Amino acid sequence: MRHASRISRRRFLATFLGSDRPTQAAQRRFTALSIAAVKKAAMRRAEACRLHIEWALRQSGANGRPISFGAAAEKLNERNIQSVKGGRWWGTQVESMATRLGLNPPRPRLCSEAARPYVNAVWKKHPHFTVTQVIRSLAPTVILGERMTSTLLSDVGTPLPSAFRCRSA
């Protein structure tokens, strides 16, 4: 199968360029044109779904946090909105289309060392808050999960062990 596709590509190049054996420069031009055509088609498909993608990313996620790509795909599937190729939506499709369209993706979660000052500030103002209330008070600017928030709340005033610190980038 691979051999047949190479032969057909060579025949196409020969027809396209007018010679039996195309030069490397001609092959590079052909490859560049092919890549440009694929990107243009992908952009057309993304633009066709722009309204659906924007709507899905505007929905709220759990505990008032921004929605994840996977949850946005589920929202589209719940509404029976077909994907570009007619099937179900997946988080990776939503992510790639949002990136292609230049839409702001959901913010990633913070590592525990970066989240500690935020949790400490909320705890000083409201020592009676539960984990869920701390998460909601920080959303949507700081995205935290329940486990990390409860760990940080239990460690209020004590330094975090070095094994749990986030790696520097």
Protein backbone atom coordinates (compact mmCIF):
# COMPACT_ATOMS: atom_id res chain seq x y z
CA MET A 1 0.00 0.00 0.00
CA ARG A 2 2.79 2.39 0.89
CA HIS A 3 4.58 1.62 -2.38
CA ALA A 4 1.41 2.30 -4.38
CA SER A 5 0.93 5.67 -2.74
CA ARG A 6 4.51 6.63 -3.58
CA ILE A 7 4.01 5.65 -7.19
CA SER A 8 0.80 7.65 -7.46
CA ARG A 9 2.50 10.64 -5.84
CA ARG A 10 5.37 10.39 -8.32
CA ARG A 11 2.93 10.18 -11.20
CA PHE A 12 1.04 13.17 -9.88
CA LEU A 13 4.27 15.13 -9.45
CA ALA A 14 5.36 14.18 -12.94
CA THR A 15 2.02 15.32 -14.35
CA PHE A 16 1.99 18.42 -12.14
CA LEU A 17 5.53 19.43 -12.97
CA GLY A 18 5.85 18.04 -16.49
CA SER A 19 8.79 15.67 -16.02
CA ASP A 20 9.30 12.00 -15.25
CA ARG A 21 11.50 12.55 -12.20
CA PRO A 22 10.77 15.75 -10.24
CA THR A 23 13.61 17.58 -8.57
CA GLN A 24 13.88 17.94 -4.80
CA ALA A 25 12.97 21.60 -5.06
CA ALA A 26 9.81 20.70 -6.96
CA GLN A 27 8.94 18.09 -4.33
CA ARG A 28 9.43 20.67 -1.55
CA ARG A 29 7.17 23.12 -3.40
CA PHE A 30 4.55 20.42 -3.81
CA THR A 31 4.78 19.50 -0.11
CA ALA A 32 4.51 23.15 0.92
CA LEU A 33 1.44 23.62 -1.27
CA SER A 34 -0.11 20.45 0.16
CA ILE A 35 0.45 21.56 3.75
CA ALA A 36 -1.00 24.99 2.98
CA ALA A 37 -4.09 23.36 1.45
CA VAL A 38 -4.58 21.12 4.49
CA LYS A 39 -4.25 24.08 6.88
CA LYS A 40 -6.68 26.15 4.81
CA ALA A 41 -9.25 23.34 4.84
CA ALA A 42 -8.82 22.91 8.61
CA MET A 43 -9.35 26.64 9.12
CA ARG A 44 -12.52 26.53 7.00
CA ARG A 45 -13.87 23.66 9.11
CA ALA A 46 -12.98 25.50 12.32
CA GLU A 47 -14.67 28.70 11.13
CA ALA A 48 -17.79 26.70 10.28
CA CYS A 49 -17.95 25.52 13.92
CA ARG A 50 -16.83 28.79 15.53
CA LEU A 51 -20.23 29.63 17.06
CA HIS A 52 -20.58 26.18 18.60
CA ILE A 53 -17.03 26.20 20.00
CA GLU A 54 -17.44 29.71 21.45
CA TRP A 55 -20.76 28.75 23.03
CA ALA A 56 -19.30 25.60 24.59
CA LEU A 57 -16.28 27.43 26.02
CA ARG A 58 -18.52 30.15 27.54
CA GLN A 59 -20.36 27.57 29.67
CA SER A 60 -19.35 27.34 33.30
CA GLY A 61 -17.47 24.36 34.63
CA ALA A 62 -17.62 22.68 38.02
CA ASN A 63 -17.73 24.99 41.05
CA GLY A 64 -17.81 28.10 38.87
CA ARG A 65 -14.46 27.36 37.26
CA PRO A 66 -13.84 27.72 33.51
CA ILE A 67 -14.97 24.73 31.53
CA SER A 68 -12.43 22.14 30.39
CA PHE A 69 -12.16 21.08 26.76
CA GLY A 70 -13.56 17.66 27.60
CA ALA A 71 -16.56 19.16 29.39
CA ALA A 72 -17.11 21.57 26.47
CA ALA A 73 -17.14 18.57 24.12
CA GLU A 74 -19.72 16.88 26.35
CA LYS A 75 -21.91 20.01 26.24
CA LEU A 76 -21.80 19.91 22.44
CA ASN A 77 -22.65 16.19 22.45
CA GLU A 78 -25.56 16.75 24.88
CA ARG A 79 -27.07 19.22 22.40
CA ASN A 80 -26.59 16.70 19.57
CA ILE A 81 -24.31 19.07 17.66
CA GLN A 82 -22.30 16.96 15.27
CA SER A 83 -18.58 17.44 14.92
CA VAL A 84 -17.04 18.52 11.66
CA LYS A 85 -16.81 14.96 10.41
CA GLY A 86 -20.31 14.08 11.59
CA GLY A 87 -19.50 12.20 14.80
CA ARG A 88 -19.11 12.92 18.49
CA TRP A 89 -17.05 15.78 19.85
CA TRP A 90 -13.90 15.04 21.82
CA GLY A 91 -11.88 17.37 24.04
CA THR A 92 -8.89 17.29 21.72
CA GLN A 93 -11.05 18.42 18.79
CA VAL A 94 -12.41 21.35 20.79
CA GLU A 95 -8.90 22.24 21.94
CA SER A 96 -7.37 22.17 18.47
CA MET A 97 -10.24 24.20 16.97
CA ALA A 98 -10.14 26.75 19.79
CA THR A 99 -6.38 27.13 19.32
CA ARG A 100 -6.76 27.42 15.55
CA LEU A 101 -9.46 30.09 15.97
CA GLY A 102 -7.39 32.00 18.54
CA LEU A 103 -9.96 31.58 21.31
CA ASN A 104 -8.77 31.81 24.89
CA PRO A 105 -8.46 28.27 26.22
CA PRO A 106 -9.41 27.40 29.80
CA ARG A 107 -6.68 28.27 32.27
CA PRO A 108 -4.68 25.37 33.66
CA ARG A 109 -4.63 24.59 37.34
CA LEU A 110 -1.90 26.06 39.48
CA CYS A 111 0.72 23.98 41.22
CA SER A 112 0.44 23.88 45.01
CA GLU A 113 3.33 26.29 45.64
CA ALA A 114 1.77 28.95 43.40
CA ALA A 115 -1.71 28.41 44.88
CA ARG A 116 -0.60 28.60 48.53
CA PRO A 117 -0.66 32.45 48.83
CA TYR A 118 -4.17 32.62 47.38
CA VAL A 119 -5.53 29.97 49.74
CA ASN A 120 -3.79 31.59 52.73
CA ALA A 121 -5.28 34.99 51.87
CA VAL A 122 -8.81 33.57 51.70
CA TRP A 123 -8.28 31.60 54.92
CA LYS A 124 -7.12 34.71 56.82
CA LYS A 125 -10.24 36.62 55.78
CA HIS A 126 -12.66 33.72 56.20
CA PRO A 127 -11.35 31.02 58.58
CA HIS A 128 -14.78 29.37 58.69
CA PHE A 129 -14.87 28.64 54.92
CA THR A 130 -15.09 25.06 53.70
CA VAL A 131 -12.95 23.69 50.86
CA THR A 132 -15.74 24.27 48.33
CA GLN A 133 -16.25 27.84 49.51
CA VAL A 134 -12.52 28.58 49.16
CA ILE A 135 -12.56 27.17 45.61
CA ARG A 136 -15.60 29.25 44.67
CA SER A 137 -14.16 32.42 46.19
CA LEU A 138 -11.00 32.05 44.11
CA ALA A 139 -12.77 31.14 40.84
CA PRO A 140 -12.41 32.02 37.99
CA THR A 141 -9.01 33.70 38.48
CA VAL A 142 -7.43 30.74 40.31
CA ILE A 143 -8.41 27.19 39.41
CA LEU A 144 -7.97 24.69 42.20
CA GLY A 145 -9.18 21.18 42.85
CA GLU A 146 -10.67 19.92 46.08
CA ARG A 147 -7.72 17.73 47.03
CA MET A 148 -5.11 20.46 46.60
CA THR A 149 -7.27 23.02 48.38
CA SER A 150 -7.89 20.72 51.34
CA THR A 151 -4.17 19.92 51.54
CA LEU A 152 -3.27 23.60 51.48
CA LEU A 153 -5.89 24.42 54.09
CA SER A 154 -4.57 21.71 56.40
CA ASP A 155 -1.06 23.11 55.94
CA VAL A 156 -1.95 26.73 56.66
CA GLY A 157 0.99 28.25 58.47
CA THR A 158 3.35 25.30 57.85
CA PRO A 159 5.79 25.09 54.95
CA LEU A 160 5.07 22.53 52.24
CA PRO A 161 7.55 19.60 52.16
CA SER A 162 9.99 19.82 49.27
CA ALA A 163 8.66 16.57 47.76
CA PHE A 164 5.32 18.29 47.05
CA ARG A 165 6.64 21.51 45.56
CA CYS A 166 6.04 22.14 41.89
CA ARG A 167 8.97 21.92 39.54
CA SER A 168 10.36 25.17 38.22
CA ALA A 169 9.82 25.65 34.49
